Amino acid sequence: MDDLNLSIKRNSFTGLLGPNGAGKSTTLKILTNLIHATSGSAYLNGVDVVKDPRGALADVGTVVETPEFYPYLTPRQTLKYIGEIIGMSSESIKTQTEEILTKVKMEAWGDKKLGTFSKGMRQRIALGQALLNEPKVIILDEPTSGLDPRGMAEMREILKNLRNDTNDLTILMSSHMMHEVSDLCDRVAMVNHGKLLVHDDIDIIKAYADYRGITVRMMEEPTPEVLERIKELDNVVDAQRNGGNEAIVKIMGGAREQEKLFNDIHETGIRVFSLSEIENSLETIYLDLIKESR
């Protein structure tokens, strides 16, 4: 990490967003005392992670490394085993186990052996394990990584429900997928090469952009010459091919400027059949910030 200074807002769902190798996992491992920083300090709930790791992590649930379980145990047995290790009462373990299996949508699999589970199912049990002692803070390292599309969708739905159903919960989740962070999180911290690029509410970050991204679909593939002609039009900041017959055009302004763009392109003789604004402006901003930080 390179002088990363990050303070997570209580009761927020913060996405730690960055490309592979940006320093996301390193940051979370320092926070959870899995590795030690060569300099600086890390605190959880105001407690120094290095000086008092037990106290700092007492009210924290984590899924940082790839979850590993005893394959011959069931989810209920696994949660009972973990609950006993952390000193929970038998009654609390029983109550929490049933609630957690429901939250992670594994109630029908509570008595099946973990060795028969898919990666997505094991990931849900890992999340349940992190929730066992009703922590105030949850730290997740790319919880949908390596899952198939169905597994990703199920995990995101669980996280969304968890956030909506719990008022006093702070979640810090790393991800390299813009749409995932945009869908789940209310705050985002973007990092690259160990440096913090920006950290704020998602809506505020989206407002940073002075332009809109427009997908322009044409009748033919846009040649370099066509893209250059588009770049010369009023209000256009940039134009790049996006595969097939599409181009991504950045323009200054709003709906009127989009209408003018359509008319201007038509007047150049370029055959266009649709324009649509890119909804995920977070991706456009992120890519620009990454480019600037290289």
C-alpha atoms as a PDB file:
ATOM      1  CA  MET A   1       0.000   0.000   0.000  1.00  0.00           C
ATOM      2  CA  ASP A   2       1.146   3.545  -0.706  1.00  0.00           C
ATOM      3  CA  ASP A   3       0.071   5.936   2.072  1.00  0.00           C
ATOM      4  CA  LEU A   4      -3.545   4.726   1.875  1.00  0.00           C
ATOM      5  CA  ASN A   5      -5.715   6.777   4.229  1.00  0.00           C
ATOM      6  CA  LEU A   6      -9.233   5.368   4.404  1.00  0.00           C
ATOM      7  CA  SER A   7     -11.954   5.866   7.018  1.00  0.00           C
ATOM      8  CA  ILE A   8     -15.124   3.770   6.638  1.00  0.00           C
ATOM      9  CA  LYS A   9     -18.414   5.404   7.568  1.00  0.00           C
ATOM     10  CA  ARG A  10     -20.420   3.536  10.224  1.00  0.00           C
ATOM     11  CA  ASN A  11     -23.572   1.748   8.954  1.00  0.00           C
ATOM     12  CA  SER A  12     -22.469   2.119   5.335  1.00  0.00           C
ATOM     13  CA  PHE A  13     -22.018  -0.519   2.643  1.00  0.00           C
ATOM     14  CA  THR A  14     -18.659   0.516   1.179  1.00  0.00           C
ATOM     15  CA  GLY A  15     -17.186  -1.031  -1.944  1.00  0.00           C
ATOM     16  CA  LEU A  16     -13.385  -1.150  -2.162  1.00  0.00           C
ATOM     17  CA  LEU A  17     -13.087  -1.027  -5.938  1.00  0.00           C
ATOM     18  CA  GLY A  18      -9.967  -1.638  -7.984  1.00  0.00           C
ATOM     19  CA  PRO A  19      -8.424  -3.838 -10.694  1.00  0.00           C
ATOM     20  CA  ASN A  20      -6.572  -7.045  -9.872  1.00  0.00           C
ATOM     21  CA  GLY A  21      -3.341  -6.152  -8.071  1.00  0.00           C
ATOM     22  CA  ALA A  22      -4.630  -2.765  -6.898  1.00  0.00           C
ATOM     23  CA  GLY A  23      -4.096  -3.614  -3.217  1.00  0.00           C
ATOM     24  CA  LYS A  24      -7.650  -4.509  -2.172  1.00  0.00           C
ATOM     25  CA  SER A  25      -6.885  -7.885  -0.590  1.00  0.00           C
ATOM     26  CA  THR A  26      -3.733  -6.524   1.047  1.00  0.00           C
ATOM     27  CA  THR A  27      -5.779  -3.759   2.669  1.00  0.00           C
ATOM     28  CA  LEU A  28      -8.351  -6.207   4.027  1.00  0.00           C
ATOM     29  CA  LYS A  29      -5.679  -8.604   5.278  1.00  0.00           C
ATOM     30  CA  ILE A  30      -3.999  -5.764   7.179  1.00  0.00           C
ATOM     31  CA  LEU A  31      -7.363  -4.795   8.694  1.00  0.00           C
ATOM     32  CA  THR A  32      -8.044  -8.379   9.789  1.00  0.00           C
ATOM     33  CA  ASN A  33      -4.494  -8.928  11.122  1.00  0.00           C
ATOM     34  CA  LEU A  34      -3.641 -11.633   8.589  1.00  0.00           C
ATOM     35  CA  ILE A  35      -0.575  -9.634   7.558  1.00  0.00           C
ATOM     36  CA  HIS A  36       1.243  -6.727   9.203  1.00  0.00           C
ATOM     37  CA  ALA A  37       1.841  -3.405   7.521  1.00  0.00           C
ATOM     38  CA  THR A  38       5.451  -2.200   7.361  1.00  0.00           C
ATOM     39  CA  SER A  39       4.259   1.237   8.436  1.00  0.00           C
ATOM     40  CA  GLY A  40       1.089   3.073   9.414  1.00  0.00           C
ATOM     41  CA  SER A  41      -1.770   1.784  11.554  1.00  0.00           C
ATOM     42  CA  ALA A  42      -5.173   0.135  11.216  1.00  0.00           C
ATOM     43  CA  TYR A  43      -8.172   0.401  13.523  1.00  0.00           C
ATOM     44  CA  LEU A  44     -11.500  -1.422  13.770  1.00  0.00           C
ATOM     45  CA  ASN A  45     -14.165   0.218  15.928  1.00  0.00           C
ATOM     46  CA  GLY A  46     -11.433   2.462  17.322  1.00  0.00           C
ATOM     47  CA  VAL A  47      -9.226  -0.451  18.456  1.00  0.00           C
ATOM     48  CA  ASP A  48      -5.677  -0.891  17.101  1.00  0.00           C
ATOM     49  CA  VAL A  49      -5.567  -4.113  15.066  1.00  0.00           C
ATOM     50  CA  VAL A  50      -1.844  -4.698  15.728  1.00  0.00           C
ATOM     51  CA  LYS A  51      -1.782  -3.879  19.448  1.00  0.00           C
ATOM     52  CA  ASP A  52      -5.085  -5.561  20.335  1.00  0.00           C
ATOM     53  CA  PRO A  53      -6.206  -7.864  17.503  1.00  0.00           C
ATOM     54  CA  ARG A  54      -8.628  -9.812  19.719  1.00  0.00           C
ATOM     55  CA  GLY A  55     -10.355  -6.631  20.864  1.00  0.00           C
ATOM     56  CA  ALA A  56     -10.364  -5.094  17.367  1.00  0.00           C
ATOM     57  CA  LEU A  57     -11.895  -8.181  15.744  1.00  0.00           C
ATOM     58  CA  ALA A  58     -14.307  -9.068  18.574  1.00  0.00           C
ATOM     59  CA  ASP A  59     -17.261  -7.477  16.824  1.00  0.00           C
ATOM     60  CA  VAL A  60     -16.174  -8.174  13.232  1.00  0.00           C
ATOM     61  CA  GLY A  61     -17.131 -10.948  10.830  1.00  0.00           C
ATOM     62  CA  THR A  62     -14.820 -11.681   7.909  1.00  0.00           C
ATOM     63  CA  VAL A  63     -14.583 -13.706   4.706  1.00  0.00           C
ATOM     64  CA  VAL A  64     -11.146 -12.812   3.378  1.00  0.00           C
ATOM     65  CA  GLU A  65      -9.431 -16.013   2.328  1.00  0.00           C
ATOM     66  CA  THR A  66     -10.999 -18.797   0.249  1.00  0.00           C
ATOM     67  CA  PRO A  67     -13.398 -20.555   2.659  1.00  0.00           C
ATOM     68  CA  GLU A  68     -12.252 -24.004   3.790  1.00  0.00           C
ATOM     69  CA  PHE A  69     -14.430 -26.378   5.799  1.00  0.00           C
ATOM     70  CA  TYR A  70     -14.283 -29.912   7.133  1.00  0.00           C
ATOM     71  CA  PRO A  71     -16.041 -31.746   4.277  1.00  0.00           C
ATOM     72  CA  TYR A  72     -17.585 -34.375   6.578  1.00  0.00           C
ATOM     73  CA  LEU A  73     -19.460 -31.772   8.675  1.00  0.00           C
ATOM     74  CA  THR A  74     -22.840 -30.245   7.859  1.00  0.00           C
ATOM     75  CA  PRO A  75     -23.564 -26.482   7.994  1.00  0.00           C
ATOM     76  CA  ARG A  76     -25.338 -26.903  11.348  1.00  0.00           C
ATOM     77  CA  GLN A  77     -22.401 -28.861  12.763  1.00  0.00           C
ATOM     78  CA  THR A  78     -19.922 -26.347  11.378  1.00  0.00           C
ATOM     79  CA  LEU A  79     -21.715 -23.350  12.869  1.00  0.00           C
ATOM     80  CA  LYS A  80     -22.050 -25.168  16.222  1.00  0.00           C
ATOM     81  CA  TYR A  81     -18.320 -25.946  16.193  1.00  0.00           C
ATOM     82  CA  ILE A  82     -17.372 -22.337  15.395  1.00  0.00           C
ATOM     83  CA  GLY A  83     -19.857 -20.959  17.941  1.00  0.00           C
ATOM     84  CA  GLU A  84     -18.333 -23.092  20.687  1.00  0.00           C
ATOM     85  CA  ILE A  85     -14.823 -21.931  19.758  1.00  0.00           C
ATOM     86  CA  ILE A  86     -15.796 -18.248  20.102  1.00  0.00           C
ATOM     87  CA  GLY A  87     -17.608 -18.870  23.384  1.00  0.00           C
ATOM     88  CA  MET A  88     -21.265 -18.637  22.417  1.00  0.00           C
ATOM     89  CA  SER A  89     -23.902 -20.367  24.548  1.00  0.00           C
ATOM     90  CA  SER A  90     -25.661 -23.457  23.205  1.00  0.00           C
ATOM     91  CA  GLU A  91     -28.958 -21.575  23.078  1.00  0.00           C
ATOM     92  CA  SER A  92     -27.437 -18.662  21.120  1.00  0.00           C
ATOM     93  CA  ILE A  93     -25.743 -21.036  18.693  1.00  0.00           C
ATOM     94  CA  LYS A  94     -28.997 -22.878  18.017  1.00  0.00           C
ATOM     95  CA  THR A  95     -31.022 -19.683  17.523  1.00  0.00           C
ATOM     96  CA  GLN A  96     -28.402 -17.984  15.373  1.00  0.00           C
ATOM     97  CA  THR A  97     -27.795 -21.067  13.253  1.00  0.00           C
ATOM     98  CA  GLU A  98     -31.417 -21.250  12.131  1.00  0.00           C
ATOM     99  CA  GLU A  99     -31.577 -17.509  11.444  1.00  0.00           C
ATOM    100  CA  ILE A 100     -28.330 -17.580   9.477  1.00  0.00           C
ATOM    101  CA  LEU A 101     -29.270 -20.572   7.336  1.00  0.00           C
ATOM    102  CA  THR A 102     -32.412 -18.668   6.372  1.00  0.00           C
ATOM    103  CA  LYS A 103     -30.499 -15.463   5.647  1.00  0.00           C
ATOM    104  CA  VAL A 104     -28.036 -17.228   3.338  1.00  0.00           C
ATOM    105  CA  LYS A 105     -30.807 -19.354   1.807  1.00  0.00           C
ATOM    106  CA  MET A 106     -29.301 -22.665   2.930  1.00  0.00           C
ATOM    107  CA  GLU A 107     -32.011 -23.901   5.325  1.00  0.00           C
ATOM    108  CA  ALA A 108     -32.764 -26.877   3.053  1.00  0.00           C
ATOM    109  CA  TRP A 109     -29.082 -27.875   3.117  1.00  0.00           C
ATOM    110  CA  GLY A 110     -28.413 -27.548   6.842  1.00  0.00           C
ATOM    111  CA  ASP A 111     -27.884 -31.278   7.390  1.00  0.00           C
ATOM    112  CA  LYS A 112     -26.008 -32.093   4.165  1.00  0.00           C
ATOM    113  CA  LYS A 113     -22.249 -32.636   4.221  1.00  0.00           C
ATOM    114  CA  LEU A 114     -20.215 -29.641   3.082  1.00  0.00           C
ATOM    115  CA  GLY A 115     -18.037 -31.871   0.915  1.00  0.00           C
ATOM    116  CA  THR A 116     -20.948 -32.180  -1.527  1.00  0.00           C
ATOM    117  CA  PHE A 117     -21.455 -28.398  -1.862  1.00  0.00           C
ATOM    118  CA  SER A 118     -20.624 -26.191  -4.830  1.00  0.00           C
ATOM    119  CA  LYS A 119     -18.293 -23.228  -4.394  1.00  0.00           C
ATOM    120  CA  GLY A 120     -21.260 -20.866  -4.303  1.00  0.00           C
ATOM    121  CA  MET A 121     -22.907 -22.874  -1.524  1.00  0.00           C
ATOM    122  CA  ARG A 122     -19.678 -22.964   0.500  1.00  0.00           C
ATOM    123  CA  GLN A 123     -19.348 -19.202   0.009  1.00  0.00           C
ATOM    124  CA  ARG A 124     -22.818 -18.719   1.483  1.00  0.00           C
ATOM    125  CA  ILE A 125     -21.897 -20.831   4.507  1.00  0.00           C
ATOM    126  CA  ALA A 126     -18.709 -18.761   4.872  1.00  0.00           C
ATOM    127  CA  LEU A 127     -20.844 -15.621   4.974  1.00  0.00           C
ATOM    128  CA  GLY A 128     -23.122 -17.300   7.514  1.00  0.00           C
ATOM    129  CA  GLN A 129     -20.078 -18.146   9.628  1.00  0.00           C
ATOM    130  CA  ALA A 130     -19.077 -14.458   9.572  1.00  0.00           C
ATOM    131  CA  LEU A 131     -22.557 -13.492  10.803  1.00  0.00           C
ATOM    132  CA  LEU A 132     -22.693 -16.041  13.627  1.00  0.00           C
ATOM    133  CA  ASN A 133     -21.857 -13.737  16.557  1.00  0.00           C
ATOM    134  CA  GLU A 134     -24.010 -10.866  15.204  1.00  0.00           C
ATOM    135  CA  PRO A 135     -21.071  -8.566  14.373  1.00  0.00           C
ATOM    136  CA  LYS A 136     -21.404  -4.844  13.776  1.00  0.00           C
ATOM    137  CA  VAL A 137     -18.839  -4.941  10.954  1.00  0.00           C
ATOM    138  CA  ILE A 138     -18.546  -7.390   8.028  1.00  0.00           C
ATOM    139  CA  ILE A 139     -15.409  -7.487   5.838  1.00  0.00           C
ATOM    140  CA  LEU A 140     -15.668  -9.405   2.561  1.00  0.00           C
ATOM    141  CA  ASP A 141     -12.945  -9.962  -0.039  1.00  0.00           C
ATOM    142  CA  GLU A 142     -14.580 -10.326  -3.474  1.00  0.00           C
ATOM    143  CA  PRO A 143     -17.438 -12.559  -2.212  1.00  0.00           C
ATOM    144  CA  THR A 144     -18.647 -13.417  -5.743  1.00  0.00           C
ATOM    145  CA  SER A 145     -15.210 -14.233  -7.169  1.00  0.00           C
ATOM    146  CA  GLY A 146     -15.093 -17.548  -9.029  1.00  0.00           C
ATOM    147  CA  LEU A 147     -18.843 -18.115  -8.881  1.00  0.00           C
ATOM    148  CA  ASP A 148     -20.995 -18.912 -11.887  1.00  0.00           C
ATOM    149  CA  PRO A 149     -23.625 -16.319 -12.947  1.00  0.00           C
ATOM    150  CA  ARG A 150     -26.330 -17.943 -10.825  1.00  0.00           C
ATOM    151  CA  GLY A 151     -24.051 -18.096  -7.793  1.00  0.00           C
ATOM    152  CA  MET A 152     -23.102 -14.423  -8.246  1.00  0.00           C
ATOM    153  CA  ALA A 153     -26.743 -13.378  -8.474  1.00  0.00           C
ATOM    154  CA  GLU A 154     -27.669 -15.377  -5.353  1.00  0.00           C
ATOM    155  CA  MET A 155     -24.796 -13.933  -3.314  1.00  0.00           C
ATOM    156  CA  ARG A 156     -25.633 -10.377  -4.367  1.00  0.00           C
ATOM    157  CA  GLU A 157     -29.270 -10.866  -3.439  1.00  0.00           C
ATOM    158  CA  ILE A 158     -28.249 -12.180  -0.001  1.00  0.00           C
ATOM    159  CA  LEU A 159     -25.940  -9.205   0.581  1.00  0.00           C
ATOM    160  CA  LYS A 160     -28.615  -6.768  -0.548  1.00  0.00           C
ATOM    161  CA  ASN A 161     -31.175  -8.320   1.807  1.00  0.00           C
ATOM    162  CA  LEU A 162     -28.637  -8.357   4.629  1.00  0.00           C
ATOM    163  CA  ARG A 163     -27.993  -4.650   4.195  1.00  0.00           C
ATOM    164  CA  ASN A 164     -31.692  -3.777   3.911  1.00  0.00           C
ATOM    165  CA  ASP A 165     -32.752  -5.893   6.905  1.00  0.00           C
ATOM    166  CA  THR A 166     -30.026  -4.749   9.324  1.00  0.00           C
ATOM    167  CA  ASN A 167     -29.907  -1.136  10.517  1.00  0.00           C
ATOM    168  CA  ASP A 168     -26.737  -1.312  12.595  1.00  0.00           C
ATOM    169  CA  LEU A 169     -24.310  -3.023  10.238  1.00  0.00           C
ATOM    170  CA  THR A 170     -21.205  -1.745   8.467  1.00  0.00           C
ATOM    171  CA  ILE A 171     -20.041  -3.705   5.411  1.00  0.00           C
ATOM    172  CA  LEU A 172     -16.693  -3.289   3.639  1.00  0.00           C
ATOM    173  CA  MET A 173     -16.507  -5.355   0.452  1.00  0.00           C
ATOM    174  CA  SER A 174     -13.719  -5.475  -2.101  1.00  0.00           C
ATOM    175  CA  SER A 175     -14.576  -5.997  -5.763  1.00  0.00           C
ATOM    176  CA  HIS A 176     -13.182  -5.373  -9.234  1.00  0.00           C
ATOM    177  CA  MET A 177     -16.653  -5.302 -10.820  1.00  0.00           C
ATOM    178  CA  MET A 178     -18.181  -1.840 -11.243  1.00  0.00           C
ATOM    179  CA  HIS A 179     -21.763  -3.029 -11.715  1.00  0.00           C
ATOM    180  CA  GLU A 180     -21.565  -5.092  -8.511  1.00  0.00           C
ATOM    181  CA  VAL A 181     -20.427  -2.131  -6.432  1.00  0.00           C
ATOM    182  CA  SER A 182     -22.953   0.153  -8.102  1.00  0.00           C
ATOM    183  CA  ASP A 183     -25.775  -2.300  -7.372  1.00  0.00           C
ATOM    184  CA  LEU A 184     -24.911  -3.098  -3.745  1.00  0.00           C
ATOM    185  CA  CYS A 185     -22.981  -0.228  -2.204  1.00  0.00           C
ATOM    186  CA  ASP A 186     -23.900   3.269  -1.061  1.00  0.00           C
ATOM    187  CA  ARG A 187     -20.259   4.361  -0.831  1.00  0.00           C
ATOM    188  CA  VAL A 188     -17.189   3.493  -2.876  1.00  0.00           C
ATOM    189  CA  ALA A 189     -13.433   3.785  -2.395  1.00  0.00           C
ATOM    190  CA  MET A 190     -11.475   3.410  -5.638  1.00  0.00           C
ATOM    191  CA  VAL A 191      -7.861   2.252  -5.397  1.00  0.00           C
ATOM    192  CA  ASN A 192      -5.060   1.507  -7.840  1.00  0.00           C
ATOM    193  CA  HIS A 193      -1.409   0.618  -7.215  1.00  0.00           C
ATOM    194  CA  GLY A 194      -2.095   0.886  -3.489  1.00  0.00           C
ATOM    195  CA  LYS A 195      -3.237   4.509  -3.767  1.00  0.00           C
ATOM    196  CA  LEU A 196      -6.680   5.854  -2.899  1.00  0.00           C
ATOM    197  CA  LEU A 197      -8.133   7.597  -5.962  1.00  0.00           C
ATOM    198  CA  VAL A 198     -11.475   8.720  -4.518  1.00  0.00           C
ATOM    199  CA  HIS A 199     -13.765   7.847  -1.586  1.00  0.00           C
ATOM    200  CA  ASP A 200     -17.317   9.173  -1.285  1.00  0.00           C
ATOM    201  CA  ASP A 201     -21.017   8.411  -1.679  1.00  0.00           C
ATOM    202  CA  ILE A 202     -21.672   6.711  -5.028  1.00  0.00           C
ATOM    203  CA  ASP A 203     -24.149   9.390  -6.103  1.00  0.00           C
ATOM    204  CA  ILE A 204     -21.588  12.119  -5.405  1.00  0.00           C
ATOM    205  CA  ILE A 205     -18.869  10.275  -7.316  1.00  0.00           C
ATOM    206  CA  LYS A 206     -21.181   9.800 -10.289  1.00  0.00           C
ATOM    207  CA  ALA A 207     -21.759  13.551 -10.280  1.00  0.00           C
ATOM    208  CA  TYR A 208     -17.995  14.118 -10.722  1.00  0.00           C
ATOM    209  CA  ALA A 209     -18.305  13.504 -14.434  1.00  0.00           C
ATOM    210  CA  ASP A 210     -18.801  16.585 -16.579  1.00  0.00           C
ATOM    211  CA  TYR A 211     -19.916  14.443 -19.495  1.00  0.00           C
ATOM    212  CA  ARG A 212     -22.220  11.554 -20.371  1.00  0.00           C
ATOM    213  CA  GLY A 213     -21.299   8.301 -22.040  1.00  0.00           C
ATOM    214  CA  ILE A 214     -23.471   7.507 -25.076  1.00  0.00           C
ATOM    215  CA  THR A 215     -23.595   4.168 -26.889  1.00  0.00           C
ATOM    216  CA  VAL A 216     -24.003   4.876 -30.613  1.00  0.00           C
ATOM    217  CA  ARG A 217     -25.143   1.927 -32.735  1.00  0.00           C
ATOM    218  CA  MET A 218     -24.420   2.244 -36.445  1.00  0.00           C
ATOM    219  CA  MET A 219     -25.353   0.354 -39.565  1.00  0.00           C
ATOM    220  CA  GLU A 220     -21.683  -0.435 -40.274  1.00  0.00           C
ATOM    221  CA  GLU A 221     -18.542  -0.846 -38.203  1.00  0.00           C
ATOM    222  CA  PRO A 222     -17.169   2.570 -37.219  1.00  0.00           C
ATOM    223  CA  THR A 223     -13.836   3.091 -38.972  1.00  0.00           C
ATOM    224  CA  PRO A 224     -11.092   5.309 -37.511  1.00  0.00           C
ATOM    225  CA  GLU A 225     -12.125   7.973 -40.022  1.00  0.00           C
ATOM    226  CA  VAL A 226     -15.753   7.825 -38.834  1.00  0.00           C
ATOM    227  CA  LEU A 227     -14.671   8.130 -35.204  1.00  0.00           C
ATOM    228  CA  GLU A 228     -12.538  11.170 -36.054  1.00  0.00           C
ATOM    229  CA  ARG A 229     -15.522  12.828 -37.758  1.00  0.00           C
ATOM    230  CA  ILE A 230     -17.641  12.224 -34.639  1.00  0.00           C
ATOM    231  CA  LYS A 231     -14.914  13.689 -32.387  1.00  0.00           C
ATOM    232  CA  GLU A 232     -15.074  16.930 -34.376  1.00  0.00           C
ATOM    233  CA  LEU A 233     -18.794  17.438 -33.653  1.00  0.00           C
ATOM    234  CA  ASP A 234     -20.112  19.963 -31.122  1.00  0.00           C
ATOM    235  CA  ASN A 235     -20.065  18.894 -27.447  1.00  0.00           C
ATOM    236  CA  VAL A 236     -18.143  15.671 -28.187  1.00  0.00           C
ATOM    237  CA  VAL A 237     -15.235  14.933 -25.817  1.00  0.00           C
ATOM    238  CA  ASP A 238     -14.165  11.569 -27.230  1.00  0.00           C
ATOM    239  CA  ALA A 239     -15.321   8.674 -29.431  1.00  0.00           C
ATOM    240  CA  GLN A 240     -14.027   5.112 -29.303  1.00  0.00           C
ATOM    241  CA  ARG A 241     -15.103   1.885 -30.969  1.00  0.00           C
ATOM    242  CA  ASN A 242     -16.885  -0.523 -28.612  1.00  0.00           C
ATOM    243  CA  GLY A 243     -16.895  -3.692 -30.710  1.00  0.00           C
ATOM    244  CA  GLY A 244     -19.171  -4.637 -33.575  1.00  0.00           C
ATOM    245  CA  ASN A 245     -21.078  -1.667 -34.953  1.00  0.00           C
ATOM    246  CA  GLU A 246     -20.989   0.297 -31.698  1.00  0.00           C
ATOM    247  CA  ALA A 247     -19.035   3.330 -30.532  1.00  0.00           C
ATOM    248  CA  ILE A 248     -18.889   4.960 -27.099  1.00  0.00           C
ATOM    249  CA  VAL A 249     -19.156   8.734 -27.424  1.00  0.00           C
ATOM    250  CA  LYS A 250     -18.559  11.095 -24.506  1.00  0.00           C
ATOM    251  CA  ILE A 251     -20.474  14.356 -24.719  1.00  0.00           C
ATOM    252  CA  MET A 252     -20.884  17.443 -22.583  1.00  0.00           C
ATOM    253  CA  GLY A 253     -24.469  18.263 -21.604  1.00  0.00           C
ATOM    254  CA  GLY A 254     -27.796  16.474 -21.306  1.00  0.00           C
ATOM    255  CA  ALA A 255     -30.838  15.456 -23.345  1.00  0.00           C
ATOM    256  CA  ARG A 256     -30.658  18.393 -25.777  1.00  0.00           C
ATOM    257  CA  GLU A 257     -27.027  17.676 -26.524  1.00  0.00           C
ATOM    258  CA  GLN A 258     -27.881  14.008 -27.115  1.00  0.00           C
ATOM    259  CA  GLU A 259     -30.563  15.013 -29.600  1.00  0.00           C
ATOM    260  CA  LYS A 260     -28.115  17.368 -31.325  1.00  0.00           C
ATOM    261  CA  LEU A 261     -25.509  14.604 -31.438  1.00  0.00           C
ATOM    262  CA  PHE A 262     -27.946  12.310 -33.243  1.00  0.00           C
ATOM    263  CA  ASN A 263     -28.815  15.011 -35.792  1.00  0.00           C
ATOM    264  CA  ASP A 264     -25.164  16.039 -36.272  1.00  0.00           C
ATOM    265  CA  ILE A 265     -24.039  12.456 -36.875  1.00  0.00           C
ATOM    266  CA  HIS A 266     -26.894  11.952 -39.337  1.00  0.00           C
ATOM    267  CA  GLU A 267     -25.879  15.085 -41.241  1.00  0.00           C
ATOM    268  CA  THR A 268     -22.324  13.761 -41.662  1.00  0.00           C
ATOM    269  CA  GLY A 269     -23.755  10.832 -43.615  1.00  0.00           C
ATOM    270  CA  ILE A 270     -22.974   8.253 -40.919  1.00  0.00           C
ATOM    271  CA  ARG A 271     -25.906   5.852 -40.703  1.00  0.00           C
ATOM    272  CA  VAL A 272     -27.050   5.478 -37.073  1.00  0.00           C
ATOM    273  CA  PHE A 273     -30.088   3.575 -35.827  1.00  0.00           C
ATOM    274  CA  SER A 274     -29.923   4.250 -32.056  1.00  0.00           C
ATOM    275  CA  LEU A 275     -28.304   6.223 -29.246  1.00  0.00           C
ATOM    276  CA  SER A 276     -28.538   5.245 -25.580  1.00  0.00           C
ATOM    277  CA  GLU A 277     -27.002   6.729 -22.478  1.00  0.00           C
ATOM    278  CA  ILE A 278     -24.691   4.478 -20.471  1.00  0.00           C
ATOM    279  CA  GLU A 279     -26.432   4.007 -17.119  1.00  0.00           C
ATOM    280  CA  ASN A 280     -23.355   2.888 -15.217  1.00  0.00           C
ATOM    281  CA  SER A 281     -21.503   6.199 -15.247  1.00  0.00           C
ATOM    282  CA  LEU A 282     -19.456   4.865 -12.323  1.00  0.00           C
ATOM    283  CA  GLU A 283     -17.573   2.682 -14.798  1.00  0.00           C
ATOM    284  CA  THR A 284     -16.708   5.639 -17.026  1.00  0.00           C
ATOM    285  CA  ILE A 285     -15.422   7.668 -14.073  1.00  0.00           C
ATOM    286  CA  TYR A 286     -13.485   4.710 -12.696  1.00  0.00           C
ATOM    287  CA  LEU A 287     -11.729   3.967 -15.978  1.00  0.00           C
ATOM    288  CA  ASP A 288     -10.738   7.620 -16.312  1.00  0.00           C
ATOM    289  CA  LEU A 289      -9.308   7.666 -12.772  1.00  0.00           C
ATOM    290  CA  ILE A 290      -7.401   4.429 -13.365  1.00  0.00           C
ATOM    291  CA  LYS A 291      -5.941   5.869 -16.576  1.00  0.00           C
ATOM    292  CA  GLU A 292      -4.792   9.006 -14.748  1.00  0.00           C
ATOM    293  CA  SER A 293      -3.164   7.011 -11.920  1.00  0.00           C
ATOM    294  CA  ARG A 294      -0.940   4.896 -14.182  1.00  0.00           C
END
